[in-house]
Amino acid sequence: MDFRARSHPSWIGFAVHRVSGLLLALFLPLHFWALGSAIQGEARLDGFLRWAENPLVKMAETVLVILLAAHLAGGLRVMALEFLGWGRAQKDLVAASFGFALLLGLVFLFNVF
């Protein structure tokens, strides 16, 4: 197996897109559980919202936003591949998508804390 191909920026972009999608899919049941607490009453929702003020939860939210941004950027990169074709600028698109994801995560982090 040739591991040099796995160090190519496009392969790394592919891997980040897939892994972020899987991690977001794993997050969904927790999200639905949180939404379900709102249905069970105001006291239950208030308890959940107090728990969500924990700094570890805030950091997890930041990671979630970075995952969402990485998945969005990876999807946009795939769409660019489909509609624009392969070119020398692919490395630049991968770098731009990573930068976009980190920038959105940092913007969220600074607005949260």
Protein backbone atom coordinates (compact mmCIF):
# COMPACT_ATOMS: atom_id res chain seq x y z
CA MET A 1 0.00 0.00 0.00
CA ASP A 2 1.35 3.41 -0.94
CA PHE A 3 1.05 5.68 2.08
CA ARG A 4 2.42 8.70 0.20
CA ALA A 5 -1.01 9.18 -1.39
CA ARG A 6 -2.51 9.53 2.09
CA SER A 7 -0.35 12.54 2.81
CA HIS A 8 -1.70 14.42 -0.23
CA PRO A 9 -3.83 17.44 0.79
CA SER A 10 -6.80 16.18 -1.23
CA TRP A 11 -6.79 12.83 0.57
CA ILE A 12 -6.56 14.62 3.91
CA GLY A 13 -9.50 16.81 2.87
CA PHE A 14 -11.45 13.67 1.94
CA ALA A 15 -10.64 12.06 5.29
CA VAL A 16 -11.58 15.16 7.31
CA HIS A 17 -14.88 15.40 5.42
CA ARG A 18 -15.73 11.76 6.14
CA VAL A 19 -14.62 11.77 9.79
CA SER A 20 -16.43 15.04 10.53
CA GLY A 21 -19.58 13.57 8.98
CA LEU A 22 -19.34 10.46 11.16
CA LEU A 23 -18.75 12.50 14.31
CA LEU A 24 -21.69 14.75 13.49
CA ALA A 25 -23.86 11.67 12.99
CA LEU A 26 -22.80 10.42 16.42
CA PHE A 27 -23.74 13.80 17.90
CA LEU A 28 -27.30 13.70 16.52
CA PRO A 29 -28.81 11.41 19.21
CA LEU A 30 -27.45 13.72 21.92
CA HIS A 31 -28.97 16.68 20.10
CA PHE A 32 -32.36 14.96 19.90
CA TRP A 33 -32.11 14.07 23.60
CA ALA A 34 -31.52 17.74 24.42
CA LEU A 35 -34.48 18.79 22.30
CA GLY A 36 -36.60 16.13 24.00
CA SER A 37 -35.88 17.72 27.38
CA ALA A 38 -37.74 20.83 26.18
CA ILE A 39 -40.83 18.71 25.57
CA GLN A 40 -40.66 17.21 29.07
CA GLY A 41 -41.12 20.53 30.79
CA GLU A 42 -39.57 23.82 31.65
CA ALA A 43 -37.74 22.55 34.76
CA ARG A 44 -36.08 19.75 32.81
CA LEU A 45 -34.98 22.16 30.08
CA ASP A 46 -33.67 24.65 32.66
CA GLY A 47 -31.61 21.88 34.25
CA PHE A 48 -30.14 20.95 30.90
CA LEU A 49 -29.35 24.59 30.09
CA ARG A 50 -27.59 25.00 33.45
CA TRP A 51 -25.50 21.90 32.67
CA ALA A 52 -24.71 23.35 29.24
CA GLU A 53 -23.01 26.36 30.89
CA ASN A 54 -20.15 24.07 31.96
CA PRO A 55 -16.84 25.17 30.34
CA LEU A 56 -16.23 21.63 29.05
CA VAL A 57 -19.59 21.69 27.31
CA LYS A 58 -18.73 25.09 25.81
CA MET A 59 -15.45 23.64 24.47
CA ALA A 60 -17.37 20.68 23.05
CA GLU A 61 -19.72 23.14 21.33
CA THR A 62 -16.70 24.86 19.79
CA VAL A 63 -15.40 21.51 18.52
CA LEU A 64 -18.87 20.81 17.14
CA VAL A 65 -18.89 24.12 15.25
CA ILE A 66 -15.44 23.34 13.83
CA LEU A 67 -16.69 19.89 12.75
CA LEU A 68 -19.73 21.47 11.11
CA ALA A 69 -17.57 24.04 9.33
CA ALA A 70 -15.07 21.36 8.23
CA HIS A 71 -17.88 19.21 6.88
CA LEU A 72 -19.43 22.19 5.09
CA ALA A 73 -16.08 23.23 3.62
CA GLY A 74 -15.35 19.66 2.56
CA GLY A 75 -18.74 19.42 0.88
CA LEU A 76 -18.14 22.68 -0.95
CA ARG A 77 -14.75 21.32 -2.08
CA VAL A 78 -16.43 18.19 -3.43
CA MET A 79 -19.00 20.31 -5.26
CA ALA A 80 -16.19 22.40 -6.73
CA LEU A 81 -14.56 19.19 -7.95
CA GLU A 82 -17.80 18.09 -9.57
CA PHE A 83 -18.55 21.35 -11.31
CA LEU A 84 -15.14 22.88 -11.90
CA GLY A 85 -13.02 19.80 -12.54
CA TRP A 86 -9.61 18.85 -11.26
CA GLY A 87 -6.89 21.44 -11.39
CA ARG A 88 -3.68 22.55 -9.80
CA ALA A 89 -5.62 24.71 -7.38
CA GLN A 90 -6.96 21.69 -5.46
CA LYS A 91 -4.31 22.06 -2.75
CA ASP A 92 -5.35 25.68 -2.35
CA LEU A 93 -9.02 24.67 -2.04
CA VAL A 94 -8.15 22.11 0.65
CA ALA A 95 -6.11 24.68 2.58
CA ALA A 96 -8.87 27.25 2.21
CA SER A 97 -11.49 24.79 3.49
CA PHE A 98 -9.38 24.00 6.58
CA GLY A 99 -8.81 27.70 7.18
CA PHE A 100 -12.52 28.38 6.78
CA ALA A 101 -13.39 25.70 9.33
CA LEU A 102 -10.89 26.95 11.89
CA LEU A 103 -11.91 30.56 11.37
CA LEU A 104 -15.57 29.77 11.99
CA GLY A 105 -14.66 27.77 15.08
CA LEU A 106 -12.59 30.62 16.47
CA VAL A 107 -15.33 33.16 15.75
CA PHE A 108 -17.77 30.94 17.62
CA LEU A 109 -15.33 30.44 20.51
CA PHE A 110 -14.75 34.15 20.96
CA ASN A 111 -18.48 34.88 20.88
CA VAL A 112 -19.28 32.11 23.36
CA PHE A 113 -16.85 32.97 26.14
